[in-house]
């Protein structure tokens, strides 16, 4: 890939990213209220996405084989406990990921 091609690719990706972030404000900007369907999706999608991510992350766990999903269970339990305690998503996901990686690399 030459430099011009790389630069055009980066500029295109940056422009599309900016457009997807600005477009909702352009469409629903001002005093116009978003449609009820958009408001509904804004309420339910974050929980649905988190649920999907949990299922995706735990899809390969086999409880019948050692370590019986213990590192995953400990990581998920730690994430839930930290989130209930501190209400900080970054803290709960970050700490539980680090603990999970330590468990997988060193303990199990």
PDB file of N, CA and C in Angstrom:
ATOM      1  N   UNK A   1       0.845  -1.172   0.000  1.00  0.00           N
ATOM      2  CA  UNK A   1       0.000   0.000   0.000  1.00  0.00           C
ATOM      3  C   UNK A   1       0.894   1.240   0.000  1.00  0.00           C
ATOM      4  N   UNK A   2       0.561   2.181  -0.839  1.00  0.00           N
ATOM      5  CA  UNK A   2       1.367   3.397  -0.849  1.00  0.00           C
ATOM      6  C   UNK A   2       0.815   4.421   0.144  1.00  0.00           C
ATOM      7  N   UNK A   3       1.553   5.489   0.327  1.00  0.00           N
ATOM      8  CA  UNK A   3       1.205   6.494   1.327  1.00  0.00           C
ATOM      9  C   UNK A   3      -0.105   7.193   0.996  1.00  0.00           C
ATOM     10  N   UNK A   4      -0.337   7.510  -0.271  1.00  0.00           N
ATOM     11  CA  UNK A   4      -1.574   8.196  -0.667  1.00  0.00           C
ATOM     12  C   UNK A   4      -2.781   7.317  -0.380  1.00  0.00           C
ATOM     13  N   UNK A   5      -2.675   6.041  -0.714  1.00  0.00           N
ATOM     14  CA  UNK A   5      -3.778   5.125  -0.454  1.00  0.00           C
ATOM     15  C   UNK A   5      -4.064   5.018   1.042  1.00  0.00           C
ATOM     16  N   UNK A   6      -3.023   4.910   1.839  1.00  0.00           N
ATOM     17  CA  UNK A   6      -3.188   4.823   3.296  1.00  0.00           C
ATOM     18  C   UNK A   6      -3.837   6.079   3.848  1.00  0.00           C
ATOM     19  N   UNK A   7      -3.389   7.236   3.378  1.00  0.00           N
ATOM     20  CA  UNK A   7      -3.953   8.496   3.853  1.00  0.00           C
ATOM     21  C   UNK A   7      -5.423   8.624   3.479  1.00  0.00           C
ATOM     22  N   UNK A   8      -5.771   8.263   2.246  1.00  0.00           N
ATOM     23  CA  UNK A   8      -7.174   8.315   1.815  1.00  0.00           C
ATOM     24  C   UNK A   8      -8.029   7.338   2.628  1.00  0.00           C
ATOM     25  N   UNK A   9      -7.501   6.180   2.922  1.00  0.00           N
ATOM     26  CA  UNK A   9      -8.224   5.200   3.721  1.00  0.00           C
ATOM     27  C   UNK A   9      -8.482   5.728   5.130  1.00  0.00           C
ATOM     28  N   UNK A  10      -7.470   6.302   5.743  1.00  0.00           N
ATOM     29  CA  UNK A  10      -7.618   6.852   7.100  1.00  0.00           C
ATOM     30  C   UNK A  10      -8.607   8.007   7.107  1.00  0.00           C
ATOM     31  N   UNK A  11      -8.530   8.892   6.115  1.00  0.00           N
ATOM     32  CA  UNK A  11      -9.456  10.023   6.040  1.00  0.00           C
ATOM     33  C   UNK A  11     -10.891   9.563   5.821  1.00  0.00           C
ATOM     34  N   UNK A  12     -11.082   8.534   4.994  1.00  0.00           N
ATOM     35  CA  UNK A  12     -12.427   8.000   4.759  1.00  0.00           C
ATOM     36  C   UNK A  12     -13.004   7.394   6.031  1.00  0.00           C
ATOM     37  N   UNK A  13     -12.210   6.603   6.729  1.00  0.00           N
ATOM     38  CA  UNK A  13     -12.681   5.992   7.978  1.00  0.00           C
ATOM     39  C   UNK A  13     -12.989   7.070   9.015  1.00  0.00           C
ATOM     40  N   UNK A  14     -12.149   8.083   9.121  1.00  0.00           N
ATOM     41  CA  UNK A  14     -12.384   9.172  10.077  1.00  0.00           C
ATOM     42  C   UNK A  14     -13.652   9.939   9.724  1.00  0.00           C
ATOM     43  N   UNK A  15     -13.853  10.210   8.444  1.00  0.00           N
ATOM     44  CA  UNK A  15     -15.047  10.949   8.020  1.00  0.00           C
ATOM     45  C   UNK A  15     -16.321  10.150   8.297  1.00  0.00           C
ATOM     46  N   UNK A  16     -16.303   8.840   8.022  1.00  0.00           N
ATOM     47  CA  UNK A  16     -17.489   8.015   8.270  1.00  0.00           C
ATOM     48  C   UNK A  16     -17.769   7.888   9.769  1.00  0.00           C
ATOM     49  N   UNK A  17     -16.715   7.786  10.560  1.00  0.00           N
ATOM     50  CA  UNK A  17     -16.900   7.723  12.008  1.00  0.00           C
ATOM     51  C   UNK A  17     -17.517   9.023  12.527  1.00  0.00           C
ATOM     52  N   UNK A  18     -16.995  10.149  12.069  1.00  0.00           N
ATOM     53  CA  UNK A  18     -17.548  11.441  12.484  1.00  0.00           C
ATOM     54  C   UNK A  18     -18.993  11.588  12.027  1.00  0.00           C
ATOM     55  N   UNK A  19     -19.286  11.142  10.802  1.00  0.00           N
ATOM     56  CA  UNK A  19     -20.650  11.245  10.285  1.00  0.00           C
ATOM     57  C   UNK A  19     -21.631  10.433  11.120  1.00  0.00           C
ATOM     58  N   UNK A  20     -21.240   9.206  11.506  1.00  0.00           N
ATOM     59  CA  UNK A  20     -22.154   8.391  12.304  1.00  0.00           C
ATOM     60  C   UNK A  20     -22.376   8.986  13.696  1.00  0.00           C
ATOM     61  N   UNK A  21     -21.433   9.755  14.184  1.00  0.00           N
ATOM     62  CA  UNK A  21     -21.601  10.388  15.501  1.00  0.00           C
ATOM     63  C   UNK A  21     -22.403  11.679  15.417  1.00  0.00           C
ATOM     64  N   UNK A  22     -22.307  12.387  14.297  1.00  0.00           N
ATOM     65  CA  UNK A  22     -22.985  13.675  14.144  1.00  0.00           C
ATOM     66  C   UNK A  22     -24.394  13.508  13.589  1.00  0.00           C
ATOM     67  N   UNK A  23     -24.631  12.462  12.802  1.00  0.00           N
ATOM     68  CA  UNK A  23     -25.901  12.276  12.123  1.00  0.00           C
ATOM     69  C   UNK A  23     -27.121  12.314  13.054  1.00  0.00           C
ATOM     70  N   UNK A  24     -27.112  11.641  14.203  1.00  0.00           N
ATOM     71  CA  UNK A  24     -28.289  11.728  15.078  1.00  0.00           C
ATOM     72  C   UNK A  24     -28.598  13.160  15.519  1.00  0.00           C
ATOM     73  N   UNK A  25     -27.562  13.972  15.751  1.00  0.00           N
ATOM     74  CA  UNK A  25     -27.796  15.347  16.155  1.00  0.00           C
ATOM     75  C   UNK A  25     -28.355  16.168  15.001  1.00  0.00           C
ATOM     76  N   UNK A  26     -27.936  15.838  13.791  1.00  0.00           N
ATOM     77  CA  UNK A  26     -28.472  16.543  12.629  1.00  0.00           C
ATOM     78  C   UNK A  26     -29.926  16.156  12.379  1.00  0.00           C
ATOM     79  N   UNK A  27     -30.238  14.882  12.554  1.00  0.00           N
ATOM     80  CA  UNK A  27     -31.605  14.418  12.312  1.00  0.00           C
ATOM     81  C   UNK A  27     -32.547  14.865  13.421  1.00  0.00           C
ATOM     82  N   UNK A  28     -32.132  14.672  14.676  1.00  0.00           N
ATOM     83  CA  UNK A  28     -33.010  14.959  15.815  1.00  0.00           C
ATOM     84  C   UNK A  28     -32.627  16.244  16.536  1.00  0.00           C
ATOM     85  N   UNK A  29     -31.770  17.052  15.956  1.00  0.00           N
ATOM     86  CA  UNK A  29     -31.300  18.278  16.599  1.00  0.00           C
ATOM     87  C   UNK A  29     -32.420  19.287  16.800  1.00  0.00           C
ATOM     88  N   UNK A  30     -32.103  20.285  17.538  1.00  0.00           N
ATOM     89  CA  UNK A  30     -33.096  21.329  17.805  1.00  0.00           C
ATOM     90  C   UNK A  30     -34.126  20.870  18.811  1.00  0.00           C
ATOM     91  N   UNK A  31     -35.366  21.238  18.562  1.00  0.00           N
ATOM     92  CA  UNK A  31     -36.442  20.945  19.513  1.00  0.00           C
ATOM     93  C   UNK A  31     -37.242  19.716  19.122  1.00  0.00           C
ATOM     94  N   UNK A  32     -36.858  19.079  18.021  1.00  0.00           N
ATOM     95  CA  UNK A  32     -37.586  17.909  17.556  1.00  0.00           C
ATOM     96  C   UNK A  32     -37.308  16.708  18.453  1.00  0.00           C
ATOM     97  N   UNK A  33     -38.345  16.068  18.921  1.00  0.00           N
ATOM     98  CA  UNK A  33     -38.242  14.901  19.801  1.00  0.00           C
ATOM     99  C   UNK A  33     -37.989  13.654  18.960  1.00  0.00           C
ATOM    100  N   UNK A  34     -37.038  12.797  19.370  1.00  0.00           N
ATOM    101  CA  UNK A  34     -36.813  11.546  18.629  1.00  0.00           C
ATOM    102  C   UNK A  34     -38.061  10.668  18.673  1.00  0.00           C
ATOM    103  N   UNK A  35     -38.245   9.820  17.676  1.00  0.00           N
ATOM    104  CA  UNK A  35     -39.398   8.908  17.695  1.00  0.00           C
ATOM    105  C   UNK A  35     -39.356   7.987  18.907  1.00  0.00           C
ATOM    106  N   UNK A  36     -40.518   7.487  19.281  1.00  0.00           N
ATOM    107  CA  UNK A  36     -40.604   6.606  20.452  1.00  0.00           C
ATOM    108  C   UNK A  36     -39.754   5.353  20.281  1.00  0.00           C
ATOM    109  N   UNK A  37     -39.671   4.853  19.051  1.00  0.00           N
ATOM    110  CA  UNK A  37     -38.868   3.653  18.803  1.00  0.00           C
ATOM    111  C   UNK A  37     -37.394   3.916  19.111  1.00  0.00           C
ATOM    112  N   UNK A  38     -36.894   5.087  18.768  1.00  0.00           N
ATOM    113  CA  UNK A  38     -35.493   5.427  19.047  1.00  0.00           C
ATOM    114  C   UNK A  38     -35.271   5.552  20.551  1.00  0.00           C
ATOM    115  N   UNK A  39     -36.199   6.171  21.253  1.00  0.00           N
ATOM    116  CA  UNK A  39     -36.086   6.281  22.707  1.00  0.00           C
ATOM    117  C   UNK A  39     -36.123   4.903  23.372  1.00  0.00           C
ATOM    118  N   UNK A  40     -36.995   4.030  22.855  1.00  0.00           N
ATOM    119  CA  UNK A  40     -37.092   2.674  23.396  1.00  0.00           C
ATOM    120  C   UNK A  40     -35.774   1.917  23.187  1.00  0.00           C
ATOM    121  N   UNK A  41     -35.242   1.995  21.969  1.00  0.00           N
ATOM    122  CA  UNK A  41     -33.976   1.313  21.688  1.00  0.00           C
ATOM    123  C   UNK A  41     -32.850   1.873  22.550  1.00  0.00           C
ATOM    124  N   UNK A  42     -32.862   3.153  22.817  1.00  0.00           N
ATOM    125  CA  UNK A  42     -31.854   3.754  23.676  1.00  0.00           C
ATOM    126  C   UNK A  42     -31.916   3.232  25.103  1.00  0.00           C
ATOM    127  N   UNK A  43     -33.099   2.802  25.525  1.00  0.00           N
ATOM    128  CA  UNK A  43     -33.249   2.246  26.874  1.00  0.00           C
ATOM    129  C   UNK A  43     -32.871   0.775  26.942  1.00  0.00           C
ATOM    130  N   UNK A  44     -33.239  -0.020  25.923  1.00  0.00           N
ATOM    131  CA  UNK A  44     -33.075  -1.466  26.030  1.00  0.00           C
ATOM    132  C   UNK A  44     -31.786  -1.996  25.413  1.00  0.00           C
ATOM    133  N   UNK A  45     -31.214  -1.309  24.439  1.00  0.00           N
ATOM    134  CA  UNK A  45     -30.031  -1.842  23.769  1.00  0.00           C
ATOM    135  C   UNK A  45     -28.795  -1.980  24.654  1.00  0.00           C
ATOM    136  N   UNK A  46     -28.500  -1.043  25.554  1.00  0.00           N
ATOM    137  CA  UNK A  46     -27.308  -1.253  26.388  1.00  0.00           C
ATOM    138  C   UNK A  46     -27.357  -2.560  27.182  1.00  0.00           C
ATOM    139  N   UNK A  47     -28.493  -2.874  27.772  1.00  0.00           N
ATOM    140  CA  UNK A  47     -28.609  -4.130  28.534  1.00  0.00           C
ATOM    141  C   UNK A  47     -28.543  -5.332  27.607  1.00  0.00           C
ATOM    142  N   UNK A  48     -29.174  -5.242  26.446  1.00  0.00           N
ATOM    143  CA  UNK A  48     -29.150  -6.352  25.493  1.00  0.00           C
ATOM    144  C   UNK A  48     -27.734  -6.601  24.993  1.00  0.00           C
ATOM    145  N   UNK A  49     -26.990  -5.543  24.727  1.00  0.00           N
ATOM    146  CA  UNK A  49     -25.620  -5.689  24.249  1.00  0.00           C
ATOM    147  C   UNK A  49     -24.741  -6.309  25.327  1.00  0.00           C
ATOM    148  N   UNK A  50     -24.900  -5.874  26.573  1.00  0.00           N
ATOM    149  CA  UNK A  50     -24.100  -6.459  27.657  1.00  0.00           C
ATOM    150  C   UNK A  50     -24.432  -7.941  27.829  1.00  0.00           C
ATOM    151  N   UNK A  51     -25.706  -8.288  27.741  1.00  0.00           N
ATOM    152  CA  UNK A  51     -26.097  -9.694  27.823  1.00  0.00           C
ATOM    153  C   UNK A  51     -25.491 -10.518  26.709  1.00  0.00           C
ATOM    154  N   UNK A  52     -25.500  -9.968  25.496  1.00  0.00           N
ATOM    155  CA  UNK A  52     -24.907 -10.660  24.367  1.00  0.00           C
ATOM    156  C   UNK A  52     -23.400 -10.848  24.550  1.00  0.00           C
ATOM    157  N   UNK A  53     -22.728  -9.837  25.088  1.00  0.00           N
ATOM    158  CA  UNK A  53     -21.298  -9.941  25.338  1.00  0.00           C
ATOM    159  C   UNK A  53     -20.977 -11.006  26.377  1.00  0.00           C
ATOM    160  N   UNK A  54     -21.807 -11.115  27.409  1.00  0.00           N
ATOM    161  CA  UNK A  54     -21.595 -12.152  28.426  1.00  0.00           C
ATOM    162  C   UNK A  54     -21.740 -13.534  27.801  1.00  0.00           C
ATOM    163  N   UNK A  55     -22.783 -13.722  27.001  1.00  0.00           N
ATOM    164  CA  UNK A  55     -22.986 -15.010  26.334  1.00  0.00           C
ATOM    165  C   UNK A  55     -21.813 -15.315  25.406  1.00  0.00           C
ATOM    166  N   UNK A  56     -21.357 -14.313  24.654  1.00  0.00           N
ATOM    167  CA  UNK A  56     -20.238 -14.504  23.738  1.00  0.00           C
ATOM    168  C   UNK A  56     -18.962 -14.886  24.492  1.00  0.00           C
ATOM    169  N   UNK A  57     -18.717 -14.227  25.611  1.00  0.00           N
ATOM    170  CA  UNK A  57     -17.499 -14.504  26.373  1.00  0.00           C
ATOM    171  C   UNK A  57     -17.532 -15.871  27.048  1.00  0.00           C
ATOM    172  N   UNK A  58     -18.702 -16.349  27.391  1.00  0.00           N
ATOM    173  CA  UNK A  58     -18.805 -17.624  28.110  1.00  0.00           C
ATOM    174  C   UNK A  58     -19.180 -18.790  27.207  1.00  0.00           C
ATOM    175  N   UNK A  59     -19.199 -18.585  25.896  1.00  0.00           N
ATOM    176  CA  UNK A  59     -19.642 -19.629  24.970  1.00  0.00           C
ATOM    177  C   UNK A  59     -18.740 -20.859  24.978  1.00  0.00           C
ATOM    178  N   UNK A  60     -17.467 -20.698  25.284  1.00  0.00           N
ATOM    179  CA  UNK A  60     -16.539 -21.818  25.223  1.00  0.00           C
ATOM    180  C   UNK A  60     -16.319 -22.518  26.537  1.00  0.00           C
ATOM    181  N   UNK A  61     -17.039 -22.144  27.552  1.00  0.00           N
ATOM    182  CA  UNK A  61     -16.856 -22.759  28.875  1.00  0.00           C
ATOM    183  C   UNK A  61     -17.471 -24.156  28.866  1.00  0.00           C
ATOM    184  N   UNK A  62     -16.682 -25.127  29.308  1.00  0.00           N
ATOM    185  CA  UNK A  62     -17.183 -26.501  29.419  1.00  0.00           C
ATOM    186  C   UNK A  62     -17.127 -26.906  30.885  1.00  0.00           C
ATOM    187  N   UNK A  63     -18.260 -26.872  31.557  1.00  0.00           N
ATOM    188  CA  UNK A  63     -18.286 -27.194  32.995  1.00  0.00           C
ATOM    189  C   UNK A  63     -17.860 -28.618  33.311  1.00  0.00           C
ATOM    190  N   UNK A  64     -17.921 -29.525  32.335  1.00  0.00           N
ATOM    191  CA  UNK A  64     -17.566 -30.922  32.600  1.00  0.00           C
ATOM    192  C   UNK A  64     -16.058 -31.148  32.632  1.00  0.00           C
ATOM    193  N   UNK A  65     -15.279 -30.230  32.079  1.00  0.00           N
ATOM    194  CA  UNK A  65     -13.830 -30.396  32.016  1.00  0.00           C
ATOM    195  C   UNK A  65     -13.130 -29.416  32.944  1.00  0.00           C
ATOM    196  N   UNK A  66     -11.946 -29.855  33.450  1.00  0.00           N
ATOM    197  CA  UNK A  66     -11.146 -28.985  34.301  1.00  0.00           C
ATOM    198  C   UNK A  66     -10.753 -27.757  33.531  1.00  0.00           C
ATOM    199  N   UNK A  67     -10.802 -26.576  34.060  1.00  0.00           N
ATOM    200  CA  UNK A  67     -11.082 -26.151  35.432  1.00  0.00           C
ATOM    201  C   UNK A  67     -12.553 -25.848  35.697  1.00  0.00           C
ATOM    202  N   UNK A  68     -13.445 -26.456  34.933  1.00  0.00           N
ATOM    203  CA  UNK A  68     -14.892 -26.366  35.169  1.00  0.00           C
ATOM    204  C   UNK A  68     -15.432 -24.935  35.081  1.00  0.00           C
ATOM    205  N   UNK A  69     -14.757 -24.087  34.345  1.00  0.00           N
ATOM    206  CA  UNK A  69     -15.219 -22.710  34.198  1.00  0.00           C
ATOM    207  C   UNK A  69     -14.964 -21.839  35.413  1.00  0.00           C
ATOM    208  N   UNK A  70     -14.087 -22.283  36.306  1.00  0.00           N
ATOM    209  CA  UNK A  70     -13.808 -21.506  37.522  1.00  0.00           C
ATOM    210  C   UNK A  70     -13.209 -20.121  37.235  1.00  0.00           C
ATOM    211  N   UNK A  71     -12.239 -19.982  36.335  1.00  0.00           N
ATOM    212  CA  UNK A  71     -11.719 -18.633  36.082  1.00  0.00           C
ATOM    213  C   UNK A  71     -12.804 -17.694  35.550  1.00  0.00           C
ATOM    214  N   UNK A  72     -13.647 -18.206  34.661  1.00  0.00           N
ATOM    215  CA  UNK A  72     -14.729 -17.394  34.114  1.00  0.00           C
ATOM    216  C   UNK A  72     -15.738 -17.028  35.201  1.00  0.00           C
ATOM    217  N   UNK A  73     -16.086 -17.998  36.027  1.00  0.00           N
ATOM    218  CA  UNK A  73     -17.046 -17.757  37.112  1.00  0.00           C
ATOM    219  C   UNK A  73     -16.505 -16.717  38.094  1.00  0.00           C
ATOM    220  N   UNK A  74     -15.233 -16.842  38.443  1.00  0.00           N
ATOM    221  CA  UNK A  74     -14.616 -15.877  39.356  1.00  0.00           C
ATOM    222  C   UNK A  74     -14.583 -14.487  38.716  1.00  0.00           C
ATOM    223  N   UNK A  75     -14.229 -14.421  37.432  1.00  0.00           N
ATOM    224  CA  UNK A  75     -14.187 -13.134  36.732  1.00  0.00           C
ATOM    225  C   UNK A  75     -15.548 -12.472  36.651  1.00  0.00           C
ATOM    226  N   UNK A  76     -16.575 -13.247  36.312  1.00  0.00           N
ATOM    227  CA  UNK A  76     -17.929 -12.695  36.218  1.00  0.00           C
ATOM    228  C   UNK A  76     -18.425 -12.262  37.592  1.00  0.00           C
ATOM    229  N   UNK A  77     -18.205 -13.097  38.606  1.00  0.00           N
ATOM    230  CA  UNK A  77     -18.651 -12.753  39.960  1.00  0.00           C
ATOM    231  C   UNK A  77     -17.951 -11.490  40.458  1.00  0.00           C
ATOM    232  N   UNK A  78     -16.663 -11.374  40.176  1.00  0.00           N
ATOM    233  CA  UNK A  78     -15.926 -10.178  40.582  1.00  0.00           C
ATOM    234  C   UNK A  78     -16.459  -8.944  39.872  1.00  0.00           C
ATOM    235  N   UNK A  79     -16.751  -9.058  38.575  1.00  0.00           N
ATOM    236  CA  UNK A  79     -17.292  -7.926  37.826  1.00  0.00           C
ATOM    237  C   UNK A  79     -18.635  -7.486  38.402  1.00  0.00           C
ATOM    238  N   UNK A  80     -19.487  -8.455  38.719  1.00  0.00           N
ATOM    239  CA  UNK A  80     -20.804  -8.124  39.278  1.00  0.00           C
ATOM    240  C   UNK A  80     -20.655  -7.468  40.648  1.00  0.00           C
ATOM    241  N   UNK A  81     -19.831  -8.051  41.504  1.00  0.00           N
ATOM    242  CA  UNK A  81     -19.648  -7.488  42.847  1.00  0.00           C
ATOM    243  C   UNK A  81     -19.062  -6.077  42.804  1.00  0.00           C
ATOM    244  N   UNK A  82     -18.043  -5.882  41.965  1.00  0.00           N
ATOM    245  CA  UNK A  82     -17.446  -4.545  41.858  1.00  0.00           C
ATOM    246  C   UNK A  82     -18.438  -3.537  41.306  1.00  0.00           C
ATOM    247  N   UNK A  83     -19.241  -3.976  40.337  1.00  0.00           N
ATOM    248  CA  UNK A  83     -20.198  -3.028  39.754  1.00  0.00           C
ATOM    249  C   UNK A  83     -21.306  -2.672  40.745  1.00  0.00           C
ATOM    250  N   UNK A  84     -21.753  -3.654  41.504  1.00  0.00           N
ATOM    251  CA  UNK A  84     -22.788  -3.364  42.519  1.00  0.00           C
ATOM    252  C   UNK A  84     -22.212  -2.450  43.601  1.00  0.00           C
ATOM    253  N   UNK A  85     -20.961  -2.689  43.966  1.00  0.00           N
ATOM    254  CA  UNK A  85     -20.329  -1.910  45.033  1.00  0.00           C
ATOM    255  C   UNK A  85     -19.996  -0.492  44.587  1.00  0.00           C
ATOM    256  N   UNK A  86     -19.319  -0.331  43.429  1.00  0.00           N
ATOM    257  CA  UNK A  86     -18.809   0.978  43.027  1.00  0.00           C
ATOM    258  C   UNK A  86     -19.604   1.662  41.913  1.00  0.00           C
ATOM    259  N   UNK A  87     -20.452   0.920  41.199  1.00  0.00           N
ATOM    260  CA  UNK A  87     -21.216   1.475  40.069  1.00  0.00           C
ATOM    261  C   UNK A  87     -20.293   2.116  39.026  1.00  0.00           C
ATOM    262  N   UNK A  88     -19.156   1.472  38.761  1.00  0.00           N
ATOM    263  CA  UNK A  88     -18.181   1.990  37.809  1.00  0.00           C
ATOM    264  C   UNK A  88     -17.879   0.872  36.809  1.00  0.00           C
ATOM    265  N   UNK A  89     -18.394   1.021  35.605  1.00  0.00           N
ATOM    266  CA  UNK A  89     -18.241  -0.020  34.595  1.00  0.00           C
ATOM    267  C   UNK A  89     -16.786  -0.259  34.250  1.00  0.00           C
ATOM    268  N   UNK A  90     -16.026   0.807  34.073  1.00  0.00           N
ATOM    269  CA  UNK A  90     -14.624   0.665  33.709  1.00  0.00           C
ATOM    270  C   UNK A  90     -13.851  -0.091  34.786  1.00  0.00           C
ATOM    271  N   UNK A  91     -14.111   0.226  36.033  1.00  0.00           N
ATOM    272  CA  UNK A  91     -13.444  -0.463  37.141  1.00  0.00           C
ATOM    273  C   UNK A  91     -13.815  -1.938  37.167  1.00  0.00           C
ATOM    274  N   UNK A  92     -15.100  -2.242  37.097  1.00  0.00           N
ATOM    275  CA  UNK A  92     -15.533  -3.639  37.210  1.00  0.00           C
ATOM    276  C   UNK A  92     -15.043  -4.477  36.036  1.00  0.00           C
ATOM    277  N   UNK A  93     -15.122  -3.960  34.828  1.00  0.00           N
ATOM    278  CA  UNK A  93     -14.660  -4.720  33.666  1.00  0.00           C
ATOM    279  C   UNK A  93     -13.138  -4.825  33.671  1.00  0.00           C
ATOM    280  N   UNK A  94     -12.455  -3.739  33.966  1.00  0.00           N
ATOM    281  CA  UNK A  94     -10.994  -3.749  33.951  1.00  0.00           C
ATOM    282  C   UNK A  94     -10.394  -4.676  34.987  1.00  0.00           C
ATOM    283  N   UNK A  95     -10.843  -4.551  36.227  1.00  0.00           N
ATOM    284  CA  UNK A  95     -10.284  -5.384  37.305  1.00  0.00           C
ATOM    285  C   UNK A  95     -10.620  -6.856  37.083  1.00  0.00           C
ATOM    286  N   UNK A  96     -11.858  -7.136  36.702  1.00  0.00           N
ATOM    287  CA  UNK A  96     -12.226  -8.544  36.506  1.00  0.00           C
ATOM    288  C   UNK A  96     -11.478  -9.153  35.317  1.00  0.00           C
ATOM    289  N   UNK A  97     -11.192  -8.367  34.288  1.00  0.00           N
ATOM    290  CA  UNK A  97     -10.410  -8.874  33.162  1.00  0.00           C
ATOM    291  C   UNK A  97      -8.985  -9.191  33.589  1.00  0.00           C
ATOM    292  N   UNK A  98      -8.378  -8.298  34.363  1.00  0.00           N
ATOM    293  CA  UNK A  98      -7.013  -8.537  34.841  1.00  0.00           C
ATOM    294  C   UNK A  98      -6.975  -9.769  35.738  1.00  0.00           C
ATOM    295  N   UNK A  99      -7.917  -9.894  36.645  1.00  0.00           N
ATOM    296  CA  UNK A  99      -7.953 -11.062  37.540  1.00  0.00           C
ATOM    297  C   UNK A  99      -8.166 -12.336  36.735  1.00  0.00           C
ATOM    298  N   UNK A 100      -9.062 -12.305  35.756  1.00  0.00           N
ATOM    299  CA  UNK A 100      -9.300 -13.478  34.915  1.00  0.00           C
ATOM    300  C   UNK A 100      -8.025 -13.888  34.177  1.00  0.00           C
ATOM    301  N   UNK A 101      -7.332 -12.908  33.607  1.00  0.00           N
ATOM    302  CA  UNK A 101      -6.109 -13.222  32.861  1.00  0.00           C
ATOM    303  C   UNK A 101      -5.026 -13.801  33.786  1.00  0.00           C
ATOM    304  N   UNK A 102      -4.927 -13.278  34.996  1.00  0.00           N
ATOM    305  CA  UNK A 102      -3.974 -13.825  35.954  1.00  0.00           C
ATOM    306  C   UNK A 102      -4.342 -15.255  36.314  1.00  0.00           C
ATOM    307  N   UNK A 103      -5.623 -15.500  36.544  1.00  0.00           N
ATOM    308  CA  UNK A 103      -6.079 -16.858  36.879  1.00  0.00           C
ATOM    309  C   UNK A 103      -5.794 -17.823  35.739  1.00  0.00           C
ATOM    310  N   UNK A 104      -6.074 -17.429  34.519  1.00  0.00           N
ATOM    311  CA  UNK A 104      -5.880 -18.319  33.382  1.00  0.00           C
ATOM    312  C   UNK A 104      -4.388 -18.586  33.137  1.00  0.00           C
ATOM    313  N   UNK A 105      -3.564 -17.556  33.299  1.00  0.00           N
ATOM    314  CA  UNK A 105      -2.126 -17.706  33.008  1.00  0.00           C
ATOM    315  C   UNK A 105      -1.351 -18.375  34.143  1.00  0.00           C
ATOM    316  N   UNK A 106      -1.743 -18.113  35.372  1.00  0.00           N
ATOM    317  CA  UNK A 106      -0.928 -18.563  36.490  1.00  0.00           C
ATOM    318  C   UNK A 106      -1.571 -19.635  37.365  1.00  0.00           C
ATOM    319  N   UNK A 107      -2.864 -19.560  37.568  1.00  0.00           N
ATOM    320  CA  UNK A 107      -3.484 -20.444  38.562  1.00  0.00           C
ATOM    321  C   UNK A 107      -4.085 -21.702  37.949  1.00  0.00           C
ATOM    322  N   UNK A 108      -4.654 -21.605  36.762  1.00  0.00           N
ATOM    323  CA  UNK A 108      -5.342 -22.779  36.194  1.00  0.00           C
ATOM    324  C   UNK A 108      -4.639 -23.273  34.967  1.00  0.00           C
TER     325      UNK A 108
END
